[in-house]
PDB file of N, CA and C in Angstrom:
ATOM      1  N   MET A   1      10.511 -17.792   0.510  1.00  0.00           N
ATOM      2  CA  MET A   1      11.731 -17.246   1.062  1.00  0.00           C
ATOM      3  C   MET A   1      12.796 -18.364   1.234  1.00  0.00           C
ATOM      4  N   THR A   2      12.345 -19.583   1.483  1.00  0.00           N
ATOM      5  CA  THR A   2      13.290 -20.697   1.607  1.00  0.00           C
ATOM      6  C   THR A   2      14.037 -20.904   0.303  1.00  0.00           C
ATOM      7  N   ILE A   3      13.309 -20.867  -0.810  1.00  0.00           N
ATOM      8  CA  ILE A   3      13.946 -21.031  -2.135  1.00  0.00           C
ATOM      9  C   ILE A   3      14.892 -19.872  -2.384  1.00  0.00           C
ATOM     10  N   ARG A   4      14.449 -18.668  -2.076  1.00  0.00           N
ATOM     11  CA  ARG A   4      15.268 -17.476  -2.277  1.00  0.00           C
ATOM     12  C   ARG A   4      16.565 -17.578  -1.468  1.00  0.00           C
ATOM     13  N   ASN A   5      16.438 -17.921  -0.188  1.00  0.00           N
ATOM     14  CA  ASN A   5      17.620 -17.984   0.677  1.00  0.00           C
ATOM     15  C   ASN A   5      18.596 -19.056   0.195  1.00  0.00           C
ATOM     16  N   PHE A   6      18.088 -20.175  -0.302  1.00  0.00           N
ATOM     17  CA  PHE A   6      18.957 -21.229  -0.839  1.00  0.00           C
ATOM     18  C   PHE A   6      19.678 -20.734  -2.094  1.00  0.00           C
ATOM     19  N   ALA A   7      18.912 -20.136  -3.007  1.00  0.00           N
ATOM     20  CA  ALA A   7      19.484 -19.715  -4.300  1.00  0.00           C
ATOM     21  C   ALA A   7      20.536 -18.611  -4.138  1.00  0.00           C
ATOM     22  N   VAL A   8      20.303 -17.644  -3.286  1.00  0.00           N
ATOM     23  CA  VAL A   8      21.250 -16.529  -3.154  1.00  0.00           C
ATOM     24  C   VAL A   8      22.528 -16.940  -2.433  1.00  0.00           C
ATOM     25  N   GLY A   9      22.511 -18.076  -1.753  1.00  0.00           N
ATOM     26  CA  GLY A   9      23.711 -18.573  -1.099  1.00  0.00           C
ATOM     27  C   GLY A   9      24.857 -18.829  -2.074  1.00  0.00           C
ATOM     28  N   PHE A  10      24.512 -19.188  -3.318  1.00  0.00           N
ATOM     29  CA  PHE A  10      25.528 -19.415  -4.344  1.00  0.00           C
ATOM     30  C   PHE A  10      26.244 -18.115  -4.740  1.00  0.00           C
ATOM     31  N   PHE A  11      25.602 -16.971  -4.454  1.00  0.00           N
ATOM     32  CA  PHE A  11      26.185 -15.668  -4.793  1.00  0.00           C
ATOM     33  C   PHE A  11      26.727 -14.955  -3.546  1.00  0.00           C
ATOM     34  N   HIS A  12      26.770 -15.696  -2.430  1.00  0.00           N
ATOM     35  CA  HIS A  12      27.274 -15.153  -1.157  1.00  0.00           C
ATOM     36  C   HIS A  12      26.449 -13.981  -0.642  1.00  0.00           C
ATOM     37  N   LEU A  13      25.138 -14.075  -0.866  1.00  0.00           N
ATOM     38  CA  LEU A  13      24.244 -13.035  -0.363  1.00  0.00           C
ATOM     39  C   LEU A  13      23.604 -13.509   0.934  1.00  0.00           C
ATOM     40  N   LYS A  14      23.044 -12.581   1.658  1.00  0.00           N
ATOM     41  CA  LYS A  14      22.503 -12.832   2.990  1.00  0.00           C
ATOM     42  C   LYS A  14      21.250 -13.694   2.984  1.00  0.00           C
ATOM     43  N   ASP A  15      21.215 -14.661   3.903  1.00  0.00           N
ATOM     44  CA  ASP A  15      19.991 -15.414   4.187  1.00  0.00           C
ATOM     45  C   ASP A  15      19.186 -14.494   5.127  1.00  0.00           C
ATOM     46  N   VAL A  16      18.062 -13.979   4.644  1.00  0.00           N
ATOM     47  CA  VAL A  16      17.316 -13.002   5.432  1.00  0.00           C
ATOM     48  C   VAL A  16      16.256 -13.618   6.355  1.00  0.00           C
ATOM     49  N   GLY A  17      16.145 -14.948   6.348  1.00  0.00           N
ATOM     50  CA  GLY A  17      15.150 -15.577   7.206  1.00  0.00           C
ATOM     51  C   GLY A  17      13.828 -15.724   6.499  1.00  0.00           C
ATOM     52  N   ASN A  18      12.750 -15.772   7.275  1.00  0.00           N
ATOM     53  CA  ASN A  18      11.417 -15.995   6.727  1.00  0.00           C
ATOM     54  C   ASN A  18      10.456 -14.880   7.068  1.00  0.00           C
ATOM     55  N   LEU A  19       9.530 -14.614   6.174  1.00  0.00           N
ATOM     56  CA  LEU A  19       8.493 -13.604   6.425  1.00  0.00           C
ATOM     57  C   LEU A  19       7.699 -13.913   7.685  1.00  0.00           C
ATOM     58  N   SER A  20       7.537 -15.198   7.981  1.00  0.00           N
ATOM     59  CA  SER A  20       6.695 -15.602   9.112  1.00  0.00           C
ATOM     60  C   SER A  20       7.381 -15.456  10.470  1.00  0.00           C
ATOM     61  N   ASP A  21       8.665 -15.103  10.489  1.00  0.00           N
ATOM     62  CA  ASP A  21       9.392 -14.945  11.747  1.00  0.00           C
ATOM     63  C   ASP A  21       9.083 -13.604  12.412  1.00  0.00           C
ATOM     64  N   VAL A  22       7.813 -13.391  12.672  1.00  0.00           N
ATOM     65  CA  VAL A  22       7.344 -12.109  13.230  1.00  0.00           C
ATOM     66  C   VAL A  22       6.932 -12.350  14.681  1.00  0.00           C
ATOM     67  N   PRO A  23       7.391 -11.485  15.587  1.00  0.00           N
ATOM     68  CA  PRO A  23       6.956 -11.634  16.972  1.00  0.00           C
ATOM     69  C   PRO A  23       5.442 -11.456  17.092  1.00  0.00           C
ATOM     70  N   PRO A  24       4.830 -11.995  18.143  1.00  0.00           N
ATOM     71  CA  PRO A  24       3.391 -11.818  18.323  1.00  0.00           C
ATOM     72  C   PRO A  24       3.038 -10.349  18.557  1.00  0.00           C
ATOM     73  N   LEU A  25       1.803  -9.989  18.248  1.00  0.00           N
ATOM     74  CA  LEU A  25       1.355  -8.605  18.451  1.00  0.00           C
ATOM     75  C   LEU A  25       1.569  -8.126  19.869  1.00  0.00           C
ATOM     76  N   SER A  26       1.464  -9.034  20.819  1.00  0.00           N
ATOM     77  CA  SER A  26       1.638  -8.657  22.223  1.00  0.00           C
ATOM     78  C   SER A  26       3.065  -8.154  22.519  1.00  0.00           C
ATOM     79  N   ALA A  27       4.006  -8.483  21.658  1.00  0.00           N
ATOM     80  CA  ALA A  27       5.404  -8.059  21.855  1.00  0.00           C
ATOM     81  C   ALA A  27       5.707  -6.721  21.189  1.00  0.00           C
ATOM     82  N   ALA A  28       4.776  -6.152  20.437  1.00  0.00           N
ATOM     83  CA  ALA A  28       5.037  -4.960  19.640  1.00  0.00           C
ATOM     84  C   ALA A  28       5.586  -3.801  20.483  1.00  0.00           C
ATOM     85  N   GLU A  29       5.046  -3.577  21.648  1.00  0.00           N
ATOM     86  CA  GLU A  29       5.509  -2.435  22.453  1.00  0.00           C
ATOM     87  C   GLU A  29       6.929  -2.619  22.981  1.00  0.00           C
ATOM     88  N   TYR A  30       7.441  -3.829  22.931  1.00  0.00           N
ATOM     89  CA  TYR A  30       8.796  -4.116  23.436  1.00  0.00           C
ATOM     90  C   TYR A  30       9.851  -4.146  22.342  1.00  0.00           C
ATOM     91  N   LEU A  31       9.443  -4.030  21.095  1.00  0.00           N
ATOM     92  CA  LEU A  31      10.393  -4.055  19.978  1.00  0.00           C
ATOM     93  C   LEU A  31      11.233  -2.769  19.979  1.00  0.00           C
ATOM     94  N   ARG A  32      12.511  -2.921  19.670  1.00  0.00           N
ATOM     95  CA  ARG A  32      13.454  -1.811  19.660  1.00  0.00           C
ATOM     96  C   ARG A  32      14.282  -1.832  18.382  1.00  0.00           C
ATOM     97  N   ILE A  33      14.967  -0.728  18.134  1.00  0.00           N
ATOM     98  CA  ILE A  33      15.863  -0.637  16.977  1.00  0.00           C
ATOM     99  C   ILE A  33      16.857  -1.775  17.043  1.00  0.00           C
ATOM    100  N   GLY A  34      17.032  -2.460  15.906  1.00  0.00           N
ATOM    101  CA  GLY A  34      17.929  -3.599  15.824  1.00  0.00           C
ATOM    102  C   GLY A  34      17.233  -4.940  15.956  1.00  0.00           C
ATOM    103  N   ASP A  35      15.992  -4.963  16.475  1.00  0.00           N
ATOM    104  CA  ASP A  35      15.239  -6.204  16.580  1.00  0.00           C
ATOM    105  C   ASP A  35      14.790  -6.648  15.188  1.00  0.00           C
ATOM    106  N   ARG A  36      14.562  -7.958  15.047  1.00  0.00           N
ATOM    107  CA  ARG A  36      14.108  -8.515  13.763  1.00  0.00           C
ATOM    108  C   ARG A  36      12.596  -8.656  13.761  1.00  0.00           C
ATOM    109  N   VAL A  37      12.006  -8.344  12.601  1.00  0.00           N
ATOM    110  CA  VAL A  37      10.570  -8.545  12.342  1.00  0.00           C
ATOM    111  C   VAL A  37      10.494  -9.195  10.978  1.00  0.00           C
ATOM    112  N   GLY A  38      10.225 -10.484  10.955  1.00  0.00           N
ATOM    113  CA  GLY A  38      10.215 -11.199   9.684  1.00  0.00           C
ATOM    114  C   GLY A  38      11.608 -11.170   9.081  1.00  0.00           C
ATOM    115  N   ILE A  39      11.689 -10.729   7.836  1.00  0.00           N
ATOM    116  CA  ILE A  39      12.974 -10.677   7.145  1.00  0.00           C
ATOM    117  C   ILE A  39      13.703  -9.352   7.353  1.00  0.00           C
ATOM    118  N   PHE A  40      13.081  -8.448   8.098  1.00  0.00           N
ATOM    119  CA  PHE A  40      13.601  -7.114   8.269  1.00  0.00           C
ATOM    120  C   PHE A  40      14.180  -6.864   9.655  1.00  0.00           C
ATOM    121  N   THR A  41      15.052  -5.847   9.739  1.00  0.00           N
ATOM    122  CA  THR A  41      15.587  -5.350  11.013  1.00  0.00           C
ATOM    123  C   THR A  41      15.002  -3.961  11.212  1.00  0.00           C
ATOM    124  N   ILE A  42      14.595  -3.653  12.444  1.00  0.00           N
ATOM    125  CA  ILE A  42      14.019  -2.332  12.730  1.00  0.00           C
ATOM    126  C   ILE A  42      15.125  -1.294  12.668  1.00  0.00           C
ATOM    127  N   ARG A  43      14.910  -0.267  11.830  1.00  0.00           N
ATOM    128  CA  ARG A  43      15.871   0.820  11.651  1.00  0.00           C
ATOM    129  C   ARG A  43      15.521   2.012  12.523  1.00  0.00           C
ATOM    130  N   SER A  44      14.227   2.344  12.599  1.00  0.00           N
ATOM    131  CA  SER A  44      13.764   3.432  13.472  1.00  0.00           C
ATOM    132  C   SER A  44      12.304   3.255  13.802  1.00  0.00           C
ATOM    133  N   ILE A  45      11.924   3.832  14.935  1.00  0.00           N
ATOM    134  CA  ILE A  45      10.544   3.741  15.414  1.00  0.00           C
ATOM    135  C   ILE A  45      10.089   5.138  15.848  1.00  0.00           C
ATOM    136  N   CYS A  46       8.969   5.578  15.309  1.00  0.00           N
ATOM    137  CA  CYS A  46       8.340   6.830  15.715  1.00  0.00           C
ATOM    138  C   CYS A  46       6.887   6.519  16.074  1.00  0.00           C
ATOM    139  N   ASP A  47       6.161   7.545  16.506  1.00  0.00           N
ATOM    140  CA  ASP A  47       4.757   7.337  16.863  1.00  0.00           C
ATOM    141  C   ASP A  47       3.930   6.802  15.699  1.00  0.00           C
ATOM    142  N   LYS A  48       4.177   7.325  14.485  1.00  0.00           N
ATOM    143  CA  LYS A  48       3.342   6.964  13.342  1.00  0.00           C
ATOM    144  C   LYS A  48       4.063   6.122  12.305  1.00  0.00           C
ATOM    145  N   GLU A  49       5.360   5.928  12.460  1.00  0.00           N
ATOM    146  CA  GLU A  49       6.091   5.222  11.415  1.00  0.00           C
ATOM    147  C   GLU A  49       7.173   4.315  11.975  1.00  0.00           C
ATOM    148  N   VAL A  50       7.327   3.176  11.332  1.00  0.00           N
ATOM    149  CA  VAL A  50       8.430   2.270  11.632  1.00  0.00           C
ATOM    150  C   VAL A  50       9.185   2.062  10.307  1.00  0.00           C
ATOM    151  N   LEU A  51      10.511   2.230  10.368  1.00  0.00           N
ATOM    152  CA  LEU A  51      11.356   1.932   9.209  1.00  0.00           C
ATOM    153  C   LEU A  51      12.053   0.600   9.462  1.00  0.00           C
ATOM    154  N   LEU A  52      11.948  -0.277   8.476  1.00  0.00           N
ATOM    155  CA  LEU A  52      12.575  -1.604   8.551  1.00  0.00           C
ATOM    156  C   LEU A  52      13.574  -1.682   7.417  1.00  0.00           C
ATOM    157  N   GLU A  53      14.596  -2.524   7.559  1.00  0.00           N
ATOM    158  CA  GLU A  53      15.614  -2.580   6.521  1.00  0.00           C
ATOM    159  C   GLU A  53      16.208  -3.982   6.364  1.00  0.00           C
ATOM    160  N   ILE A  54      16.732  -4.191   5.174  1.00  0.00           N
ATOM    161  CA  ILE A  54      17.602  -5.328   4.880  1.00  0.00           C
ATOM    162  C   ILE A  54      18.837  -4.705   4.224  1.00  0.00           C
ATOM    163  N   ILE A  55      19.989  -4.911   4.820  1.00  0.00           N
ATOM    164  CA  ILE A  55      21.231  -4.365   4.281  1.00  0.00           C
ATOM    165  C   ILE A  55      22.063  -5.555   3.772  1.00  0.00           C
ATOM    166  N   ASP A  56      22.489  -5.505   2.516  1.00  0.00           N
ATOM    167  CA  ASP A  56      23.295  -6.583   1.940  1.00  0.00           C
ATOM    168  C   ASP A  56      24.306  -5.974   0.979  1.00  0.00           C
ATOM    169  N   THR A  57      25.192  -6.793   0.455  1.00  0.00           N
ATOM    170  CA  THR A  57      26.231  -6.287  -0.416  1.00  0.00           C
ATOM    171  C   THR A  57      25.717  -5.825  -1.769  1.00  0.00           C
ATOM    172  N   HIS A  58      24.622  -6.428  -2.254  1.00  0.00           N
ATOM    173  CA  HIS A  58      24.133  -6.106  -3.599  1.00  0.00           C
ATOM    174  C   HIS A  58      23.045  -5.033  -3.584  1.00  0.00           C
ATOM    175  N   LEU A  59      22.327  -4.913  -2.470  1.00  0.00           N
ATOM    176  CA  LEU A  59      21.289  -3.874  -2.389  1.00  0.00           C
ATOM    177  C   LEU A  59      20.839  -3.703  -0.943  1.00  0.00           C
ATOM    178  N   ASP A  60      20.234  -2.563  -0.672  1.00  0.00           N
ATOM    179  CA  ASP A  60      19.593  -2.282   0.622  1.00  0.00           C
ATOM    180  C   ASP A  60      18.115  -2.075   0.341  1.00  0.00           C
ATOM    181  N   VAL A  61      17.276  -2.568   1.242  1.00  0.00           N
ATOM    182  CA  VAL A  61      15.834  -2.388   1.139  1.00  0.00           C
ATOM    183  C   VAL A  61      15.398  -1.661   2.419  1.00  0.00           C
ATOM    184  N   VAL A  62      14.662  -0.565   2.230  1.00  0.00           N
ATOM    185  CA  VAL A  62      14.085   0.151   3.357  1.00  0.00           C
ATOM    186  C   VAL A  62      12.568   0.140   3.185  1.00  0.00           C
ATOM    187  N   LEU A  63      11.879  -0.282   4.227  1.00  0.00           N
ATOM    188  CA  LEU A  63      10.425  -0.416   4.200  1.00  0.00           C
ATOM    189  C   LEU A  63       9.854   0.552   5.239  1.00  0.00           C
ATOM    190  N   SER A  64       8.997   1.446   4.805  1.00  0.00           N
ATOM    191  CA  SER A  64       8.310   2.352   5.701  1.00  0.00           C
ATOM    192  C   SER A  64       6.899   1.834   5.930  1.00  0.00           C
ATOM    193  N   VAL A  65       6.508   1.691   7.188  1.00  0.00           N
ATOM    194  CA  VAL A  65       5.133   1.342   7.556  1.00  0.00           C
ATOM    195  C   VAL A  65       4.599   2.544   8.332  1.00  0.00           C
ATOM    196  N   TYR A  66       3.696   3.282   7.697  1.00  0.00           N
ATOM    197  CA  TYR A  66       3.214   4.558   8.215  1.00  0.00           C
ATOM    198  C   TYR A  66       1.733   4.445   8.542  1.00  0.00           C
ATOM    199  N   ARG A  67       1.365   4.824   9.739  1.00  0.00           N
ATOM    200  CA  ARG A  67      -0.025   4.772  10.155  1.00  0.00           C
ATOM    201  C   ARG A  67      -0.606   6.197  10.164  1.00  0.00           C
ATOM    202  N   GLU A  68      -1.669   6.365   9.362  1.00  0.00           N
ATOM    203  CA  GLU A  68      -2.391   7.619   9.346  1.00  0.00           C
ATOM    204  C   GLU A  68      -3.532   7.518  10.346  1.00  0.00           C
ATOM    205  N   GLY A  69      -3.622   8.489  11.234  1.00  0.00           N
ATOM    206  CA  GLY A  69      -4.654   8.490  12.259  1.00  0.00           C
ATOM    207  C   GLY A  69      -6.009   8.909  11.718  1.00  0.00           C
ATOM    208  N   GLY A  70      -6.908   9.199  12.610  1.00  0.00           N
ATOM    209  CA  GLY A  70      -8.236   9.613  12.226  1.00  0.00           C
ATOM    210  C   GLY A  70      -9.271   8.597  12.651  1.00  0.00           C
ATOM    211  N   ILE A  71     -10.483   8.794  12.174  1.00  0.00           N
ATOM    212  CA  ILE A  71     -11.594   7.915  12.531  1.00  0.00           C
ATOM    213  C   ILE A  71     -11.347   6.492  12.009  1.00  0.00           C
ATOM    214  N   SER A  72     -10.896   6.396  10.767  1.00  0.00           N
ATOM    215  CA  SER A  72     -10.567   5.098  10.172  1.00  0.00           C
ATOM    216  C   SER A  72      -9.089   5.052   9.877  1.00  0.00           C
ATOM    217  N   PRO A  73      -8.261   4.631  10.857  1.00  0.00           N
ATOM    218  CA  PRO A  73      -6.805   4.616  10.608  1.00  0.00           C
ATOM    219  C   PRO A  73      -6.446   3.740   9.417  1.00  0.00           C
ATOM    220  N   LYS A  74      -5.442   4.159   8.688  1.00  0.00           N
ATOM    221  CA  LYS A  74      -4.960   3.391   7.543  1.00  0.00           C
ATOM    222  C   LYS A  74      -3.453   3.218   7.664  1.00  0.00           C
ATOM    223  N   VAL A  75      -2.960   2.173   7.031  1.00  0.00           N
ATOM    224  CA  VAL A  75      -1.523   1.896   7.003  1.00  0.00           C
ATOM    225  C   VAL A  75      -1.028   2.044   5.583  1.00  0.00           C
ATOM    226  N   LYS A  76       0.041   2.817   5.414  1.00  0.00           N
ATOM    227  CA  LYS A  76       0.703   2.935   4.122  1.00  0.00           C
ATOM    228  C   LYS A  76       2.054   2.240   4.206  1.00  0.00           C
ATOM    229  N   VAL A  77       2.398   1.497   3.157  1.00  0.00           N
ATOM    230  CA  VAL A  77       3.665   0.801   3.094  1.00  0.00           C
ATOM    231  C   VAL A  77       4.395   1.279   1.854  1.00  0.00           C
ATOM    232  N   ILE A  78       5.632   1.735   2.055  1.00  0.00           N
ATOM    233  CA  ILE A  78       6.461   2.197   0.950  1.00  0.00           C
ATOM    234  C   ILE A  78       7.797   1.446   1.035  1.00  0.00           C
ATOM    235  N   THR A  79       8.220   0.896  -0.097  1.00  0.00           N
ATOM    236  CA  THR A  79       9.493   0.186  -0.157  1.00  0.00           C
ATOM    237  C   THR A  79      10.441   0.956  -1.069  1.00  0.00           C
ATOM    238  N   THR A  80      11.658   1.160  -0.594  1.00  0.00           N
ATOM    239  CA  THR A  80      12.699   1.786  -1.397  1.00  0.00           C
ATOM    240  C   THR A  80      13.863   0.815  -1.486  1.00  0.00           C
ATOM    241  N   VAL A  81      14.369   0.625  -2.706  1.00  0.00           N
ATOM    242  CA  VAL A  81      15.495  -0.281  -2.924  1.00  0.00           C
ATOM    243  C   VAL A  81      16.661   0.525  -3.469  1.00  0.00           C
ATOM    244  N   PHE A  82      17.825   0.333  -2.836  1.00  0.00           N
ATOM    245  CA  PHE A  82      19.060   0.980  -3.267  1.00  0.00           C
ATOM    246  C   PHE A  82      19.972  -0.112  -3.817  1.00  0.00           C
ATOM    247  N   ASN A  83      20.129  -0.152  -5.150  1.00  0.00           N
ATOM    248  CA  ASN A  83      21.025  -1.139  -5.782  1.00  0.00           C
ATOM    249  C   ASN A  83      22.464  -0.663  -5.653  1.00  0.00           C
ATOM    250  N   HIS A  84      23.347  -1.552  -5.233  1.00  0.00           N
ATOM    251  CA  HIS A  84      24.764  -1.198  -5.112  1.00  0.00           C
ATOM    252  C   HIS A  84      25.577  -1.588  -6.330  1.00  0.00           C
ATOM    253  N   ASN A  85      25.068  -2.545  -7.103  1.00  0.00           N
ATOM    254  CA  ASN A  85      25.876  -3.058  -8.208  1.00  0.00           C
ATOM    255  C   ASN A  85      24.950  -3.783  -9.196  1.00  0.00           C
ATOM    256  N   ILE A  86      25.545  -4.345 -10.216  1.00  0.00           N
ATOM    257  CA  ILE A  86      24.772  -5.047 -11.261  1.00  0.00           C
ATOM    258  C   ILE A  86      24.038  -6.251 -10.666  1.00  0.00           C
ATOM    259  N   LEU A  87      24.587  -6.898  -9.680  1.00  0.00           N
ATOM    260  CA  LEU A  87      23.918  -8.028  -9.051  1.00  0.00           C
ATOM    261  C   LEU A  87      22.605  -7.576  -8.391  1.00  0.00           C
ATOM    262  N   GLY A  88      22.604  -6.396  -7.781  1.00  0.00           N
ATOM    263  CA  GLY A  88      21.395  -5.864  -7.181  1.00  0.00           C
ATOM    264  C   GLY A  88      20.330  -5.606  -8.240  1.00  0.00           C
ATOM    265  N   ARG A  89      20.725  -5.040  -9.369  1.00  0.00           N
ATOM    266  CA  ARG A  89      19.765  -4.776 -10.442  1.00  0.00           C
ATOM    267  C   ARG A  89      19.236  -6.079 -11.049  1.00  0.00           C
ATOM    268  N   LEU A  90      20.117  -7.056 -11.236  1.00  0.00           N
ATOM    269  CA  LEU A  90      19.689  -8.347 -11.773  1.00  0.00           C
ATOM    270  C   LEU A  90      18.753  -9.049 -10.787  1.00  0.00           C
ATOM    271  N   TYR A  91      19.056  -8.970  -9.500  1.00  0.00           N
ATOM    272  CA  TYR A  91      18.238  -9.581  -8.471  1.00  0.00           C
ATOM    273  C   TYR A  91      16.812  -9.011  -8.491  1.00  0.00           C
ATOM    274  N   MET A  92      16.721  -7.712  -8.702  1.00  0.00           N
ATOM    275  CA  MET A  92      15.410  -7.036  -8.653  1.00  0.00           C
ATOM    276  C   MET A  92      14.539  -7.320  -9.873  1.00  0.00           C
ATOM    277  N   LEU A  93      15.119  -7.761 -10.971  1.00  0.00           N
ATOM    278  CA  LEU A  93      14.295  -8.035 -12.166  1.00  0.00           C
ATOM    279  C   LEU A  93      13.154  -9.006 -11.869  1.00  0.00           C
ATOM    280  N   PRO A  94      13.416 -10.194 -11.319  1.00  0.00           N
ATOM    281  CA  PRO A  94      12.293 -11.078 -11.015  1.00  0.00           C
ATOM    282  C   PRO A  94      11.578 -10.726  -9.721  1.00  0.00           C
ATOM    283  N   VAL A  95      12.287 -10.052  -8.789  1.00  0.00           N
ATOM    284  CA  VAL A  95      11.715  -9.783  -7.461  1.00  0.00           C
ATOM    285  C   VAL A  95      10.706  -8.621  -7.502  1.00  0.00           C
ATOM    286  N   ALA A  96      11.000  -7.588  -8.261  1.00  0.00           N
ATOM    287  CA  ALA A  96      10.152  -6.372  -8.275  1.00  0.00           C
ATOM    288  C   ALA A  96       8.680  -6.685  -8.526  1.00  0.00           C
ATOM    289  N   PRO A  97       8.336  -7.479  -9.523  1.00  0.00           N
ATOM    290  CA  PRO A  97       6.908  -7.775  -9.759  1.00  0.00           C
ATOM    291  C   PRO A  97       6.244  -8.496  -8.583  1.00  0.00           C
ATOM    292  N   LEU A  98       7.033  -9.218  -7.798  1.00  0.00           N
ATOM    293  CA  LEU A  98       6.468  -9.968  -6.661  1.00  0.00           C
ATOM    294  C   LEU A  98       6.212  -9.088  -5.455  1.00  0.00           C
ATOM    295  N   HIS A  99       6.858  -7.919  -5.392  1.00  0.00           N
ATOM    296  CA  HIS A  99       6.717  -7.069  -4.205  1.00  0.00           C
ATOM    297  C   HIS A  99       5.282  -6.680  -3.897  1.00  0.00           C
ATOM    298  N   LYS A 100       4.512  -6.275  -4.887  1.00  0.00           N
ATOM    299  CA  LYS A 100       3.119  -5.902  -4.641  1.00  0.00           C
ATOM    300  C   LYS A 100       2.342  -7.071  -4.058  1.00  0.00           C
ATOM    301  N   MET A 101       2.575  -8.248  -4.608  1.00  0.00           N
ATOM    302  CA  MET A 101       1.892  -9.452  -4.138  1.00  0.00           C
ATOM    303  C   MET A 101       2.274  -9.753  -2.680  1.00  0.00           C
ATOM    304  N   ILE A 102       3.549  -9.619  -2.354  1.00  0.00           N
ATOM    305  CA  ILE A 102       4.021  -9.893  -1.006  1.00  0.00           C
ATOM    306  C   ILE A 102       3.423  -8.897  -0.025  1.00  0.00           C
ATOM    307  N   VAL A 103       3.457  -7.604  -0.363  1.00  0.00           N
ATOM    308  CA  VAL A 103       2.928  -6.572   0.538  1.00  0.00           C
ATOM    309  C   VAL A 103       1.438  -6.779   0.738  1.00  0.00           C
ATOM    310  N   ARG A 104       0.699  -7.058  -0.310  1.00  0.00           N
ATOM    311  CA  ARG A 104      -0.735  -7.309  -0.175  1.00  0.00           C
ATOM    312  C   ARG A 104      -1.003  -8.505   0.728  1.00  0.00           C
ATOM    313  N   ALA A 105      -0.217  -9.557   0.596  1.00  0.00           N
ATOM    314  CA  ALA A 105      -0.395 -10.749   1.458  1.00  0.00           C
ATOM    315  C   ALA A 105      -0.118 -10.415   2.900  1.00  0.00           C
ATOM    316  N   ILE A 106       0.927  -9.631   3.147  1.00  0.00           N
ATOM    317  CA  ILE A 106       1.240  -9.234   4.526  1.00  0.00           C
ATOM    318  C   ILE A 106       0.125  -8.390   5.112  1.00  0.00           C
ATOM    319  N   LEU A 107      -0.367  -7.421   4.328  1.00  0.00           N
ATOM    320  CA  LEU A 107      -1.432  -6.557   4.824  1.00  0.00           C
ATOM    321  C   LEU A 107      -2.734  -7.306   5.024  1.00  0.00           C
ATOM    322  N   SER A 108      -3.052  -8.266   4.154  1.00  0.00           N
ATOM    323  CA  SER A 108      -4.290  -9.022   4.339  1.00  0.00           C
ATOM    324  C   SER A 108      -4.167  -9.903   5.575  1.00  0.00           C
ATOM    325  N   SER A 109      -2.981 -10.401   5.852  1.00  0.00           N
ATOM    326  CA  SER A 109      -2.736 -11.165   7.073  1.00  0.00           C
ATOM    327  C   SER A 109      -2.935 -10.267   8.283  1.00  0.00           C
ATOM    328  N   HIS A 110      -2.470  -9.044   8.177  1.00  0.00           N
ATOM    329  CA  HIS A 110      -2.644  -8.022   9.238  1.00  0.00           C
ATOM    330  C   HIS A 110      -4.132  -7.801   9.485  1.00  0.00           C
ATOM    331  N   ASP A 111      -4.931  -7.690   8.421  1.00  0.00           N
ATOM    332  CA  ASP A 111      -6.376  -7.491   8.566  1.00  0.00           C
ATOM    333  C   ASP A 111      -7.015  -8.641   9.292  1.00  0.00           C
ATOM    334  N   ARG A 112      -6.613  -9.872   9.001  1.00  0.00           N
ATOM    335  CA  ARG A 112      -7.188 -11.038   9.668  1.00  0.00           C
ATOM    336  C   ARG A 112      -6.843 -11.057  11.151  1.00  0.00           C
ATOM    337  N   LEU A 113      -5.639 -10.548  11.511  1.00  0.00           N
ATOM    338  CA  LEU A 113      -5.220 -10.608  12.900  1.00  0.00           C
ATOM    339  C   LEU A 113      -5.869  -9.537  13.781  1.00  0.00           C
ATOM    340  N   ILE A 114      -5.935  -8.307  13.273  1.00  0.00           N
ATOM    341  CA  ILE A 114      -6.432  -7.233  14.141  1.00  0.00           C
ATOM    342  C   ILE A 114      -7.555  -6.430  13.526  1.00  0.00           C
ATOM    343  N   GLY A 115      -8.059  -6.837  12.394  1.00  0.00           N
ATOM    344  CA  GLY A 115      -9.196  -6.170  11.787  1.00  0.00           C
ATOM    345  C   GLY A 115      -8.791  -5.177  10.730  1.00  0.00           C
ATOM    346  N   PRO A 116      -9.679  -4.934   9.742  1.00  0.00           N
ATOM    347  CA  PRO A 116      -9.372  -3.987   8.667  1.00  0.00           C
ATOM    348  C   PRO A 116      -9.361  -2.547   9.200  1.00  0.00           C
ATOM    349  N   ASN A 117      -8.796  -1.668   8.407  1.00  0.00           N
ATOM    350  CA  ASN A 117      -8.723  -0.230   8.729  1.00  0.00           C
ATOM    351  C   ASN A 117      -7.890   0.051   9.972  1.00  0.00           C
ATOM    352  N   THR A 118      -6.947  -0.820  10.278  1.00  0.00           N
ATOM    353  CA  THR A 118      -6.088  -0.577  11.421  1.00  0.00           C
ATOM    354  C   THR A 118      -4.655  -0.436  10.942  1.00  0.00           C
TER     355      THR A 118
END
């Protein structure tokens, strides 16, 4: 993210911070709409879903983190990208293949912190 934030500065795009800038789990119940979680801002919070976003001039990213209940709870993550212009489409060319890798890394980190199937 440091390299990304440096490089996009030349195009006057937003420095979104770092993935690791996440509040501790103990703070989760106090998070509200507008608070930052890593590189995202909280857009909405419901019982089973949190929507996070990055809004910029070239594209918007909305991330849904949805928890399915039951005996073995599972988390589903869905990312939607809205390109506003050619710069957004060009930006996504190298970034799109990395998204799966990034989400898997975040979820595996989640498993280490609070256990799998949560």
